[in-house]
Amino acid sequence: MNRKLMVALPSLAVALFAFTASAGSSDDYNISLCQQAVKTQIKLEHDKAGVEFSDNKVNAASSGAARVDVSGKGHFTRHDGTKKHFNYTCTVDTSASRVVNASFTKTD
């Protein structure tokens, strides 16, 4: 194998790993922004609700220039102990690091 290529491969692998890690971190940040906005909406309707999100049921996908759509599932427990499940969606403006819309729908 070409000596220059052998030297360059480890650097390329490190760069690729760093890019992948930062992409995941970016998704985590956008998901967190979305979930915080949804939690705020739920607490406006159900003041003392405990809100939990299902981390294994979250999707984040680019929806154009500087926009990410986030969707997922969760549940909240009302003050009387009743548990309600919901689906949520958000659009995050990544250039401004803010949620431009957020909504949730109770599923039961």
Protein backbone atom coordinates (compact mmCIF):
# COMPACT_ATOMS: atom_id res chain seq x y z
CA MET A 1 0.00 0.00 0.00
CA ASN A 2 1.17 3.50 -0.73
CA ARG A 3 3.01 4.95 2.28
CA LYS A 4 1.20 8.33 2.02
CA LEU A 5 -2.15 6.56 1.96
CA MET A 6 -1.23 4.48 5.02
CA VAL A 7 -0.36 7.67 6.92
CA ALA A 8 -3.53 9.46 5.80
CA LEU A 9 -5.97 6.65 6.69
CA PRO A 10 -5.77 7.05 10.48
CA SER A 11 -6.34 10.80 10.16
CA LEU A 12 -9.32 10.20 7.90
CA ALA A 13 -10.79 7.71 10.37
CA VAL A 14 -10.45 10.21 13.24
CA ALA A 15 -12.08 12.97 11.17
CA LEU A 16 -14.96 10.69 10.17
CA PHE A 17 -15.50 9.65 13.79
CA ALA A 18 -15.51 13.29 14.95
CA PHE A 19 -18.04 14.22 12.24
CA THR A 20 -20.33 11.34 13.21
CA ALA A 21 -20.11 12.21 16.90
CA SER A 22 -20.94 15.85 16.28
CA ALA A 23 -23.91 14.92 14.07
CA GLY A 24 -25.32 12.78 16.89
CA SER A 25 -24.75 15.57 19.40
CA SER A 26 -26.55 18.01 17.12
CA ASP A 27 -29.56 15.66 16.92
CA ASP A 28 -29.52 15.28 20.71
CA TYR A 29 -29.54 19.06 21.11
CA ASN A 30 -32.43 19.52 18.66
CA ILE A 31 -34.39 16.71 20.31
CA SER A 32 -33.81 18.32 23.72
CA LEU A 33 -35.05 21.71 22.45
CA CYS A 34 -38.17 20.07 21.04
CA GLN A 35 -38.92 18.04 24.15
CA GLN A 36 -38.54 21.12 26.36
CA ALA A 37 -41.07 23.01 24.19
CA VAL A 38 -43.54 20.10 24.33
CA LYS A 39 -43.09 19.74 28.09
CA THR A 40 -43.89 23.45 28.48
CA GLN A 41 -47.08 23.03 26.45
CA ILE A 42 -48.20 20.03 28.49
CA LYS A 43 -47.54 21.86 31.76
CA LEU A 44 -49.69 24.78 30.55
CA GLU A 45 -52.62 22.36 30.25
CA HIS A 46 -51.74 20.10 33.19
CA ASP A 47 -49.90 22.23 35.73
CA LYS A 48 -48.40 19.53 37.95
CA ALA A 49 -47.95 16.81 35.32
CA GLY A 50 -44.83 14.67 35.35
CA VAL A 51 -43.67 14.36 31.73
CA GLU A 52 -41.51 11.54 30.34
CA PHE A 53 -40.30 10.99 26.78
CA SER A 54 -39.59 7.59 25.20
CA ASP A 55 -36.00 8.00 24.03
CA ASN A 56 -36.17 4.89 21.86
CA LYS A 57 -39.12 6.34 19.91
CA VAL A 58 -37.63 9.63 18.67
CA ASN A 59 -36.90 10.64 15.08
CA ALA A 60 -34.93 13.67 13.91
CA ALA A 61 -34.60 14.44 10.21
CA SER A 62 -33.47 17.42 8.18
CA SER A 63 -36.38 19.21 6.50
CA GLY A 64 -34.48 21.69 4.38
CA ALA A 65 -31.99 24.45 4.95
CA ALA A 66 -31.39 24.96 8.68
CA ARG A 67 -34.51 23.02 9.73
CA VAL A 68 -34.89 19.73 11.58
CA ASP A 69 -38.17 17.92 12.19
CA VAL A 70 -38.38 15.98 15.45
CA SER A 71 -41.11 13.52 16.38
CA GLY A 72 -41.59 11.04 19.15
CA LYS A 73 -43.74 9.56 21.87
CA GLY A 74 -44.07 10.02 25.59
CA HIS A 75 -46.48 10.07 28.49
CA PHE A 76 -47.44 12.34 31.32
CA THR A 77 -48.95 11.62 34.69
CA ARG A 78 -51.65 13.98 35.86
CA HIS A 79 -51.93 15.14 39.47
CA ASP A 80 -54.59 12.43 40.11
CA GLY A 81 -52.17 9.69 38.98
CA THR A 82 -53.77 9.15 35.57
CA LYS A 83 -51.20 8.37 32.88
CA LYS A 84 -51.79 9.78 29.38
CA HIS A 85 -49.72 8.85 26.32
CA PHE A 86 -48.95 11.31 23.54
CA ASN A 87 -47.20 11.80 20.21
CA TYR A 88 -45.28 15.01 19.58
CA THR A 89 -43.75 16.88 16.65
CA CYS A 90 -41.55 19.95 16.37
CA THR A 91 -39.62 21.90 13.80
CA VAL A 92 -36.30 23.31 15.02
CA ASP A 93 -34.60 26.24 13.29
CA THR A 94 -31.00 25.12 13.68
CA SER A 95 -29.54 28.47 12.61
CA ALA A 96 -31.24 30.19 15.56
CA SER A 97 -31.29 27.17 17.93
CA ARG A 98 -35.00 27.57 18.57
CA VAL A 99 -38.22 25.66 18.11
CA VAL A 100 -40.46 27.28 15.50
CA ASN A 101 -43.45 25.04 16.19
CA ALA A 102 -44.26 22.27 18.62
CA SER A 103 -47.38 20.22 19.23
CA PHE A 104 -48.55 17.10 21.01
CA THR A 105 -51.57 14.86 20.60
CA LYS A 106 -52.93 12.60 23.31
CA THR A 107 -53.24 9.03 22.08
CA ASP A 108 -55.49 7.67 24.84
